[in-house]
Structure formats: C-alpha cells, structure tokens
Amino acid sequence: MQELTQHGSVIERELSPYSLAGFEAGLGNGWSFLTSDQPNCHAVFVNEEKLSLVTYCEGDVITKRSPNEFVFSLEKNDEMWFTANA
C-alpha cells in the first residue's frame, strides 16, 4: 500500500549518505530550490515538469509525487507554510 499525503501525492522515503550540498549537487536537471528553515541541513526542492518535491533533512529524503498540477501547488504551499512557521 502506498503512503499518501493529505492531498493525494505519493510519498517515498529513503536515506542519503550525502550532506545537503552533496545531495543537491546530485539532483540533476529540472530541480530548483523552493525553501528551507535550516540552510545547512534542510531544504525542499521542486521539479515542475515531474510534479515532484523532494525534502532533504539531515540525510532523510522524502519525495512527493503529485497526480496533477493542482495537488502539486497545494504541496508546494504546505512546504512554504511549514518552513515559514518552523
């Protein structure tokens, strides 16, 4: 059974052996920075084409894949709210 966000995006969890800088360097094309509340250990990146967000936090990586652009915009808004209120 897939884990879903409250909006219906699929969640995937994994671990990264890299620092935030190393992780960001390996993201590849199409990814851009969205937000962060702790610049050295936490950041959220988005890929508009893939309707995906990836959150890196001290080696934990959470990827959210949205089923459509509307849900993707909700996920981005949630991330922005969270980091603004952390």
C-alpha atoms as a PDB file:
ATOM      1  CA  MET A   1       0.000   0.000   0.000  1.00  0.00           C
ATOM      2  CA  GLN A   2       1.341   3.421  -0.944  1.00  0.00           C
ATOM      3  CA  GLU A   3       1.764   6.186   1.587  1.00  0.00           C
ATOM      4  CA  LEU A   4      -0.093   9.336   0.511  1.00  0.00           C
ATOM      5  CA  THR A   5      -0.137  12.956   1.652  1.00  0.00           C
ATOM      6  CA  GLN A   6      -3.399  14.562   2.736  1.00  0.00           C
ATOM      7  CA  HIS A   7      -3.728  15.881  -0.838  1.00  0.00           C
ATOM      8  CA  GLY A   8      -3.097  12.529  -2.534  1.00  0.00           C
ATOM      9  CA  SER A   9       0.570  12.744  -3.556  1.00  0.00           C
ATOM     10  CA  VAL A  10       2.605   9.546  -3.321  1.00  0.00           C
ATOM     11  CA  ILE A  11       5.328   9.635  -0.643  1.00  0.00           C
ATOM     12  CA  GLU A  12       8.647   7.804  -0.937  1.00  0.00           C
ATOM     13  CA  ARG A  13      11.175   7.779   1.914  1.00  0.00           C
ATOM     14  CA  GLU A  14      14.875   6.973   1.741  1.00  0.00           C
ATOM     15  CA  LEU A  15      18.207   7.818   3.317  1.00  0.00           C
ATOM     16  CA  SER A  16      21.058   9.713   1.689  1.00  0.00           C
ATOM     17  CA  PRO A  17      24.711   9.278   2.661  1.00  0.00           C
ATOM     18  CA  TYR A  18      25.422  12.818   1.436  1.00  0.00           C
ATOM     19  CA  SER A  19      25.419  16.217   3.077  1.00  0.00           C
ATOM     20  CA  LEU A  20      22.842  18.703   1.850  1.00  0.00           C
ATOM     21  CA  ALA A  21      25.371  20.192  -0.592  1.00  0.00           C
ATOM     22  CA  GLY A  22      26.242  16.753  -1.975  1.00  0.00           C
ATOM     23  CA  PHE A  23      22.601  15.774  -2.249  1.00  0.00           C
ATOM     24  CA  GLU A  24      21.716  18.998  -4.077  1.00  0.00           C
ATOM     25  CA  ALA A  25      24.634  18.532  -6.491  1.00  0.00           C
ATOM     26  CA  GLY A  26      23.303  15.094  -7.416  1.00  0.00           C
ATOM     27  CA  LEU A  27      19.696  16.128  -8.085  1.00  0.00           C
ATOM     28  CA  GLY A  28      20.253  16.737 -11.775  1.00  0.00           C
ATOM     29  CA  ASN A  29      18.434  18.943 -14.254  1.00  0.00           C
ATOM     30  CA  GLY A  30      14.949  20.241 -13.673  1.00  0.00           C
ATOM     31  CA  TRP A  31      15.202  20.670  -9.900  1.00  0.00           C
ATOM     32  CA  SER A  32      15.130  24.066  -8.210  1.00  0.00           C
ATOM     33  CA  PHE A  33      15.306  25.250  -4.615  1.00  0.00           C
ATOM     34  CA  LEU A  34      11.932  26.020  -3.011  1.00  0.00           C
ATOM     35  CA  THR A  35      12.500  26.720   0.689  1.00  0.00           C
ATOM     36  CA  SER A  36      14.488  25.968   3.825  1.00  0.00           C
ATOM     37  CA  ASP A  37      14.273  26.705   7.516  1.00  0.00           C
ATOM     38  CA  GLN A  38      17.775  25.430   8.363  1.00  0.00           C
ATOM     39  CA  PRO A  39      20.028  26.186   5.365  1.00  0.00           C
ATOM     40  CA  ASN A  40      22.845  23.800   6.311  1.00  0.00           C
ATOM     41  CA  CYS A  41      20.775  20.674   6.916  1.00  0.00           C
ATOM     42  CA  HIS A  42      17.242  21.095   5.499  1.00  0.00           C
ATOM     43  CA  ALA A  43      15.904  22.122   2.094  1.00  0.00           C
ATOM     44  CA  VAL A  44      12.982  21.479  -0.227  1.00  0.00           C
ATOM     45  CA  PHE A  45      13.449  21.272  -3.988  1.00  0.00           C
ATOM     46  CA  VAL A  46      10.826  21.111  -6.739  1.00  0.00           C
ATOM     47  CA  ASN A  47      10.661  19.710 -10.239  1.00  0.00           C
ATOM     48  CA  GLU A  48       7.809  21.411 -12.084  1.00  0.00           C
ATOM     49  CA  GLU A  49       7.955  19.005 -15.027  1.00  0.00           C
ATOM     50  CA  LYS A  50       7.744  15.900 -12.827  1.00  0.00           C
ATOM     51  CA  LEU A  51       5.246  17.493 -10.387  1.00  0.00           C
ATOM     52  CA  SER A  52       7.576  16.381  -7.605  1.00  0.00           C
ATOM     53  CA  LEU A  53       9.014  17.805  -4.406  1.00  0.00           C
ATOM     54  CA  VAL A  54      11.963  16.402  -2.544  1.00  0.00           C
ATOM     55  CA  THR A  55      12.784  17.299   1.041  1.00  0.00           C
ATOM     56  CA  TYR A  56      16.259  16.677   2.428  1.00  0.00           C
ATOM     57  CA  CYS A  57      16.715  16.864   6.201  1.00  0.00           C
ATOM     58  CA  GLU A  58      19.940  15.584   7.774  1.00  0.00           C
ATOM     59  CA  GLY A  59      20.128  12.598   5.407  1.00  0.00           C
ATOM     60  CA  ASP A  60      16.427  11.773   5.372  1.00  0.00           C
ATOM     61  CA  VAL A  61      14.907  12.203   1.918  1.00  0.00           C
ATOM     62  CA  ILE A  62      11.168  12.451   1.343  1.00  0.00           C
ATOM     63  CA  THR A  63       9.887  12.611  -2.222  1.00  0.00           C
ATOM     64  CA  LYS A  64       6.295  13.581  -3.017  1.00  0.00           C
ATOM     65  CA  ARG A  65       4.919  12.900  -6.489  1.00  0.00           C
ATOM     66  CA  SER A  66       1.682  14.729  -7.229  1.00  0.00           C
ATOM     67  CA  PRO A  67      -1.006  13.379  -9.564  1.00  0.00           C
ATOM     68  CA  ASN A  68      -1.748  16.795 -11.127  1.00  0.00           C
ATOM     69  CA  GLU A  69      -0.756  20.466 -11.098  1.00  0.00           C
ATOM     70  CA  PHE A  70      -3.448  21.479  -8.605  1.00  0.00           C
ATOM     71  CA  VAL A  71      -2.268  18.977  -5.996  1.00  0.00           C
ATOM     72  CA  PHE A  72       1.335  19.961  -6.739  1.00  0.00           C
ATOM     73  CA  SER A  73       0.522  23.599  -5.950  1.00  0.00           C
ATOM     74  CA  LEU A  74      -1.097  22.528  -2.656  1.00  0.00           C
ATOM     75  CA  GLU A  75       2.015  20.525  -1.726  1.00  0.00           C
ATOM     76  CA  LYS A  76       4.284  23.492  -2.500  1.00  0.00           C
ATOM     77  CA  ASN A  77       2.089  25.806  -0.416  1.00  0.00           C
ATOM     78  CA  ASP A  78       2.216  23.367   2.510  1.00  0.00           C
ATOM     79  CA  GLU A  79       6.026  23.274   2.348  1.00  0.00           C
ATOM     80  CA  MET A  80       6.269  27.065   2.232  1.00  0.00           C
ATOM     81  CA  TRP A  81       3.882  27.390   5.203  1.00  0.00           C
ATOM     82  CA  PHE A  82       5.793  24.788   7.205  1.00  0.00           C
ATOM     83  CA  THR A  83       9.193  26.403   6.755  1.00  0.00           C
ATOM     84  CA  ALA A  84       7.794  29.884   7.425  1.00  0.00           C
ATOM     85  CA  ASN A  85       6.302  28.664  10.717  1.00  0.00           C
ATOM     86  CA  ALA A  86       9.005  26.255  11.872  1.00  0.00           C
END
